[in-house]
Amino acid sequence: MAERNGFLPIRTNTFDRVFISVVLFIAISLFWMRFLEPHAPLWVSTLLSAILGQWIIRKG
């Protein structure tokens, strides 16, 4: 796996970007359940996290 420069402030390979995406998925889900769950369903957070993760993996 070749390292490359993207919009992230560090040089990353594919595994690094997947790991960052998973950590963000967990953080967004926890934030959502704590503060936004009464106002919007959890599937919205899952969809948002999946879109963000895909963007990080491809462009990051």
PDB file of N, CA and C in Angstrom:
ATOM      1  N   MET A   1       0.839  -1.180   0.000  1.00  0.00           N
ATOM      2  CA  MET A   1       0.000   0.000   0.000  1.00  0.00           C
ATOM      3  C   MET A   1       0.880   1.237   0.000  1.00  0.00           C
ATOM      4  N   ALA A   2       0.706   2.026  -0.979  1.00  0.00           N
ATOM      5  CA  ALA A   2       1.519   3.225  -1.106  1.00  0.00           C
ATOM      6  C   ALA A   2       0.937   4.369  -0.291  1.00  0.00           C
ATOM      7  N   GLU A   3       1.828   5.120   0.322  1.00  0.00           N
ATOM      8  CA  GLU A   3       1.378   6.304   1.046  1.00  0.00           C
ATOM      9  C   GLU A   3       1.123   7.423   0.048  1.00  0.00           C
ATOM     10  N   ARG A   4       0.232   8.319   0.436  1.00  0.00           N
ATOM     11  CA  ARG A   4      -0.050   9.440  -0.438  1.00  0.00           C
ATOM     12  C   ARG A   4      -0.488  10.633   0.387  1.00  0.00           C
ATOM     13  N   ASN A   5      -0.422  11.778  -0.240  1.00  0.00           N
ATOM     14  CA  ASN A   5      -0.881  13.005   0.397  1.00  0.00           C
ATOM     15  C   ASN A   5      -2.300  13.291  -0.060  1.00  0.00           C
ATOM     16  N   GLY A   6      -3.136  13.647   0.862  1.00  0.00           N
ATOM     17  CA  GLY A   6      -4.504  14.046   0.566  1.00  0.00           C
ATOM     18  C   GLY A   6      -4.803  15.289   1.379  1.00  0.00           C
ATOM     19  N   PHE A   7      -6.052  15.479   1.760  1.00  0.00           N
ATOM     20  CA  PHE A   7      -6.400  16.643   2.553  1.00  0.00           C
ATOM     21  C   PHE A   7      -6.088  16.447   4.035  1.00  0.00           C
ATOM     22  N   LEU A   8      -5.830  15.185   4.460  1.00  0.00           N
ATOM     23  CA  LEU A   8      -5.446  14.950   5.849  1.00  0.00           C
ATOM     24  C   LEU A   8      -4.051  15.515   6.083  1.00  0.00           C
ATOM     25  N   PRO A   9      -3.765  16.009   7.285  1.00  0.00           N
ATOM     26  CA  PRO A   9      -2.473  16.666   7.528  1.00  0.00           C
ATOM     27  C   PRO A   9      -1.298  15.705   7.684  1.00  0.00           C
ATOM     28  N   ILE A  10      -1.512  14.403   7.436  1.00  0.00           N
ATOM     29  CA  ILE A  10      -0.442  13.415   7.538  1.00  0.00           C
ATOM     30  C   ILE A  10      -0.449  12.543   6.288  1.00  0.00           C
ATOM     31  N   ARG A  11       0.687  11.893   6.051  1.00  0.00           N
ATOM     32  CA  ARG A  11       0.751  10.934   4.948  1.00  0.00           C
ATOM     33  C   ARG A  11       0.095   9.649   5.420  1.00  0.00           C
ATOM     34  N   THR A  12      -0.835   9.123   4.630  1.00  0.00           N
ATOM     35  CA  THR A  12      -1.592   7.951   5.051  1.00  0.00           C
ATOM     36  C   THR A  12      -1.616   6.892   3.961  1.00  0.00           C
ATOM     37  N   ASN A  13      -1.810   5.653   4.400  1.00  0.00           N
ATOM     38  CA  ASN A  13      -2.099   4.579   3.449  1.00  0.00           C
ATOM     39  C   ASN A  13      -3.565   4.198   3.623  1.00  0.00           C
ATOM     40  N   THR A  14      -4.014   3.200   2.914  1.00  0.00           N
ATOM     41  CA  THR A  14      -5.429   2.826   2.946  1.00  0.00           C
ATOM     42  C   THR A  14      -5.871   2.413   4.345  1.00  0.00           C
ATOM     43  N   PHE A  15      -5.061   1.619   5.033  1.00  0.00           N
ATOM     44  CA  PHE A  15      -5.430   1.181   6.371  1.00  0.00           C
ATOM     45  C   PHE A  15      -5.594   2.374   7.310  1.00  0.00           C
ATOM     46  N   ASP A  16      -4.700   3.343   7.233  1.00  0.00           N
ATOM     47  CA  ASP A  16      -4.799   4.530   8.087  1.00  0.00           C
ATOM     48  C   ASP A  16      -6.112   5.264   7.856  1.00  0.00           C
ATOM     49  N   ARG A  17      -6.490   5.418   6.602  1.00  0.00           N
ATOM     50  CA  ARG A  17      -7.729   6.130   6.292  1.00  0.00           C
ATOM     51  C   ARG A  17      -8.958   5.358   6.740  1.00  0.00           C
ATOM     52  N   VAL A  18      -8.935   4.015   6.623  1.00  0.00           N
ATOM     53  CA  VAL A  18     -10.048   3.200   7.115  1.00  0.00           C
ATOM     54  C   VAL A  18     -10.130   3.308   8.635  1.00  0.00           C
ATOM     55  N   PHE A  19      -8.997   3.265   9.325  1.00  0.00           N
ATOM     56  CA  PHE A  19      -8.979   3.382  10.776  1.00  0.00           C
ATOM     57  C   PHE A  19      -9.537   4.733  11.224  1.00  0.00           C
ATOM     58  N   ILE A  20      -9.128   5.805  10.590  1.00  0.00           N
ATOM     59  CA  ILE A  20      -9.647   7.138  10.910  1.00  0.00           C
ATOM     60  C   ILE A  20     -11.152   7.185  10.679  1.00  0.00           C
ATOM     61  N   SER A  21     -11.616   6.583   9.605  1.00  0.00           N
ATOM     62  CA  SER A  21     -13.056   6.557   9.309  1.00  0.00           C
ATOM     63  C   SER A  21     -13.837   5.799  10.376  1.00  0.00           C
ATOM     64  N   VAL A  22     -13.315   4.674  10.845  1.00  0.00           N
ATOM     65  CA  VAL A  22     -14.002   3.896  11.881  1.00  0.00           C
ATOM     66  C   VAL A  22     -14.045   4.672  13.195  1.00  0.00           C
ATOM     67  N   VAL A  23     -12.950   5.316  13.554  1.00  0.00           N
ATOM     68  CA  VAL A  23     -12.924   6.107  14.788  1.00  0.00           C
ATOM     69  C   VAL A  23     -13.928   7.257  14.697  1.00  0.00           C
ATOM     70  N   LEU A  24     -13.999   7.917  13.557  1.00  0.00           N
ATOM     71  CA  LEU A  24     -14.983   8.983  13.383  1.00  0.00           C
ATOM     72  C   LEU A  24     -16.410   8.450  13.407  1.00  0.00           C
ATOM     73  N   PHE A  25     -16.628   7.265  12.848  1.00  0.00           N
ATOM     74  CA  PHE A  25     -17.952   6.641  12.894  1.00  0.00           C
ATOM     75  C   PHE A  25     -18.408   6.443  14.340  1.00  0.00           C
ATOM     76  N   ILE A  26     -17.506   5.931  15.169  1.00  0.00           N
ATOM     77  CA  ILE A  26     -17.832   5.709  16.580  1.00  0.00           C
ATOM     78  C   ILE A  26     -18.078   7.034  17.289  1.00  0.00           C
ATOM     79  N   ALA A  27     -17.225   8.025  17.048  1.00  0.00           N
ATOM     80  CA  ALA A  27     -17.373   9.321  17.714  1.00  0.00           C
ATOM     81  C   ALA A  27     -18.676  10.020  17.315  1.00  0.00           C
ATOM     82  N   ILE A  28     -18.997   9.997  16.032  1.00  0.00           N
ATOM     83  CA  ILE A  28     -20.235  10.627  15.573  1.00  0.00           C
ATOM     84  C   ILE A  28     -21.451   9.911  16.157  1.00  0.00           C
ATOM     85  N   SER A  29     -21.397   8.589  16.211  1.00  0.00           N
ATOM     86  CA  SER A  29     -22.522   7.822  16.762  1.00  0.00           C
ATOM     87  C   SER A  29     -22.728   8.126  18.246  1.00  0.00           C
ATOM     88  N   LEU A  30     -21.651   8.181  19.002  1.00  0.00           N
ATOM     89  CA  LEU A  30     -21.777   8.488  20.423  1.00  0.00           C
ATOM     90  C   LEU A  30     -22.294   9.907  20.640  1.00  0.00           C
ATOM     91  N   PHE A  31     -21.774  10.859  19.883  1.00  0.00           N
ATOM     92  CA  PHE A  31     -22.242  12.235  19.976  1.00  0.00           C
ATOM     93  C   PHE A  31     -23.729  12.317  19.642  1.00  0.00           C
ATOM     94  N   TRP A  32     -24.110  11.615  18.584  1.00  0.00           N
ATOM     95  CA  TRP A  32     -25.504  11.621  18.134  1.00  0.00           C
ATOM     96  C   TRP A  32     -26.425  11.050  19.208  1.00  0.00           C
ATOM     97  N   MET A  33     -26.023   9.899  19.789  1.00  0.00           N
ATOM     98  CA  MET A  33     -26.873   9.275  20.812  1.00  0.00           C
ATOM     99  C   MET A  33     -26.980  10.145  22.058  1.00  0.00           C
ATOM    100  N   ARG A  34     -25.953  10.894  22.367  1.00  0.00           N
ATOM    101  CA  ARG A  34     -25.971  11.720  23.571  1.00  0.00           C
ATOM    102  C   ARG A  34     -26.796  12.989  23.378  1.00  0.00           C
ATOM    103  N   PHE A  35     -26.624  13.669  22.247  1.00  0.00           N
ATOM    104  CA  PHE A  35     -27.210  14.996  22.089  1.00  0.00           C
ATOM    105  C   PHE A  35     -28.369  15.091  21.095  1.00  0.00           C
ATOM    106  N   LEU A  36     -28.393  14.264  20.073  1.00  0.00           N
ATOM    107  CA  LEU A  36     -29.353  14.460  18.994  1.00  0.00           C
ATOM    108  C   LEU A  36     -30.392  13.358  18.844  1.00  0.00           C
ATOM    109  N   GLU A  37     -30.280  12.288  19.592  1.00  0.00           N
ATOM    110  CA  GLU A  37     -31.209  11.172  19.438  1.00  0.00           C
ATOM    111  C   GLU A  37     -32.672  11.560  19.652  1.00  0.00           C
ATOM    112  N   PRO A  38     -33.010  12.430  20.592  1.00  0.00           N
ATOM    113  CA  PRO A  38     -34.434  12.792  20.737  1.00  0.00           C
ATOM    114  C   PRO A  38     -35.003  13.541  19.528  1.00  0.00           C
ATOM    115  N   HIS A  39     -34.131  14.139  18.716  1.00  0.00           N
ATOM    116  CA  HIS A  39     -34.584  14.982  17.611  1.00  0.00           C
ATOM    117  C   HIS A  39     -34.501  14.312  16.248  1.00  0.00           C
ATOM    118  N   ALA A  40     -33.591  13.363  16.096  1.00  0.00           N
ATOM    119  CA  ALA A  40     -33.407  12.699  14.803  1.00  0.00           C
ATOM    120  C   ALA A  40     -33.005  11.241  15.047  1.00  0.00           C
ATOM    121  N   PRO A  41     -33.444  10.327  14.190  1.00  0.00           N
ATOM    122  CA  PRO A  41     -33.131   8.908  14.408  1.00  0.00           C
ATOM    123  C   PRO A  41     -31.652   8.588  14.173  1.00  0.00           C
ATOM    124  N   LEU A  42     -31.227   7.467  14.740  1.00  0.00           N
ATOM    125  CA  LEU A  42     -29.826   7.072  14.677  1.00  0.00           C
ATOM    126  C   LEU A  42     -29.378   6.720  13.259  1.00  0.00           C
ATOM    127  N   TRP A  43     -30.285   6.295  12.394  1.00  0.00           N
ATOM    128  CA  TRP A  43     -29.879   5.930  11.035  1.00  0.00           C
ATOM    129  C   TRP A  43     -29.333   7.140  10.277  1.00  0.00           C
ATOM    130  N   VAL A  44     -29.745   8.341  10.654  1.00  0.00           N
ATOM    131  CA  VAL A  44     -29.217   9.547  10.013  1.00  0.00           C
ATOM    132  C   VAL A  44     -27.726   9.682  10.324  1.00  0.00           C
ATOM    133  N   SER A  45     -27.365   9.414  11.565  1.00  0.00           N
ATOM    134  CA  SER A  45     -25.950   9.478  11.942  1.00  0.00           C
ATOM    135  C   SER A  45     -25.148   8.404  11.222  1.00  0.00           C
ATOM    136  N   THR A  46     -25.727   7.222  11.058  1.00  0.00           N
ATOM    137  CA  THR A  46     -25.048   6.142  10.347  1.00  0.00           C
ATOM    138  C   THR A  46     -24.816   6.513   8.885  1.00  0.00           C
ATOM    139  N   LEU A  47     -25.817   7.087   8.267  1.00  0.00           N
ATOM    140  CA  LEU A  47     -25.680   7.518   6.878  1.00  0.00           C
ATOM    141  C   LEU A  47     -24.630   8.624   6.746  1.00  0.00           C
ATOM    142  N   LEU A  48     -24.666   9.598   7.641  1.00  0.00           N
ATOM    143  CA  LEU A  48     -23.680  10.681   7.629  1.00  0.00           C
ATOM    144  C   LEU A  48     -22.270  10.133   7.820  1.00  0.00           C
ATOM    145  N   SER A  49     -22.104   9.210   8.759  1.00  0.00           N
ATOM    146  CA  SER A  49     -20.791   8.617   9.017  1.00  0.00           C
ATOM    147  C   SER A  49     -20.294   7.803   7.830  1.00  0.00           C
ATOM    148  N   ALA A  50     -21.194   7.081   7.170  1.00  0.00           N
ATOM    149  CA  ALA A  50     -20.795   6.280   6.012  1.00  0.00           C
ATOM    150  C   ALA A  50     -20.336   7.166   4.857  1.00  0.00           C
ATOM    151  N   ILE A  51     -21.056   8.257   4.628  1.00  0.00           N
ATOM    152  CA  ILE A  51     -20.667   9.189   3.565  1.00  0.00           C
ATOM    153  C   ILE A  51     -19.326   9.837   3.882  1.00  0.00           C
ATOM    154  N   LEU A  52     -19.149  10.276   5.131  1.00  0.00           N
ATOM    155  CA  LEU A  52     -17.887  10.884   5.538  1.00  0.00           C
ATOM    156  C   LEU A  52     -16.739   9.879   5.445  1.00  0.00           C
ATOM    157  N   GLY A  53     -16.987   8.643   5.876  1.00  0.00           N
ATOM    158  CA  GLY A  53     -15.961   7.616   5.796  1.00  0.00           C
ATOM    159  C   GLY A  53     -15.530   7.307   4.368  1.00  0.00           C
ATOM    160  N   GLN A  54     -16.506   7.240   3.477  1.00  0.00           N
ATOM    161  CA  GLN A  54     -16.191   6.987   2.073  1.00  0.00           C
ATOM    162  C   GLN A  54     -15.355   8.124   1.499  1.00  0.00           C
ATOM    163  N   TRP A  55     -15.687   9.327   1.854  1.00  0.00           N
ATOM    164  CA  TRP A  55     -14.948  10.502   1.354  1.00  0.00           C
ATOM    165  C   TRP A  55     -13.513  10.494   1.892  1.00  0.00           C
ATOM    166  N   ILE A  56     -13.343  10.169   3.163  1.00  0.00           N
ATOM    167  CA  ILE A  56     -11.991  10.117   3.757  1.00  0.00           C
ATOM    168  C   ILE A  56     -11.168   9.015   3.112  1.00  0.00           C
ATOM    169  N   ILE A  57     -11.766   7.859   2.900  1.00  0.00           N
ATOM    170  CA  ILE A  57     -11.009   6.750   2.324  1.00  0.00           C
ATOM    171  C   ILE A  57     -10.592   7.060   0.888  1.00  0.00           C
ATOM    172  N   ARG A  58     -11.450   7.693   0.123  1.00  0.00           N
ATOM    173  CA  ARG A  58     -11.126   7.983  -1.285  1.00  0.00           C
ATOM    174  C   ARG A  58     -10.213   9.200  -1.443  1.00  0.00           C
ATOM    175  N   LYS A  59     -10.483  10.274  -0.736  1.00  0.00           N
ATOM    176  CA  LYS A  59      -9.764  11.530  -0.963  1.00  0.00           C
ATOM    177  C   LYS A  59      -8.709  11.859   0.084  1.00  0.00           C
ATOM    178  N   GLY A  60      -8.824  11.229   1.259  1.00  0.00           N
ATOM    179  CA  GLY A  60      -7.956  11.574   2.385  1.00  0.00           C
ATOM    180  C   GLY A  60      -6.540  11.225   2.161  1.00  0.00           C
TER     181      GLY A  60
END
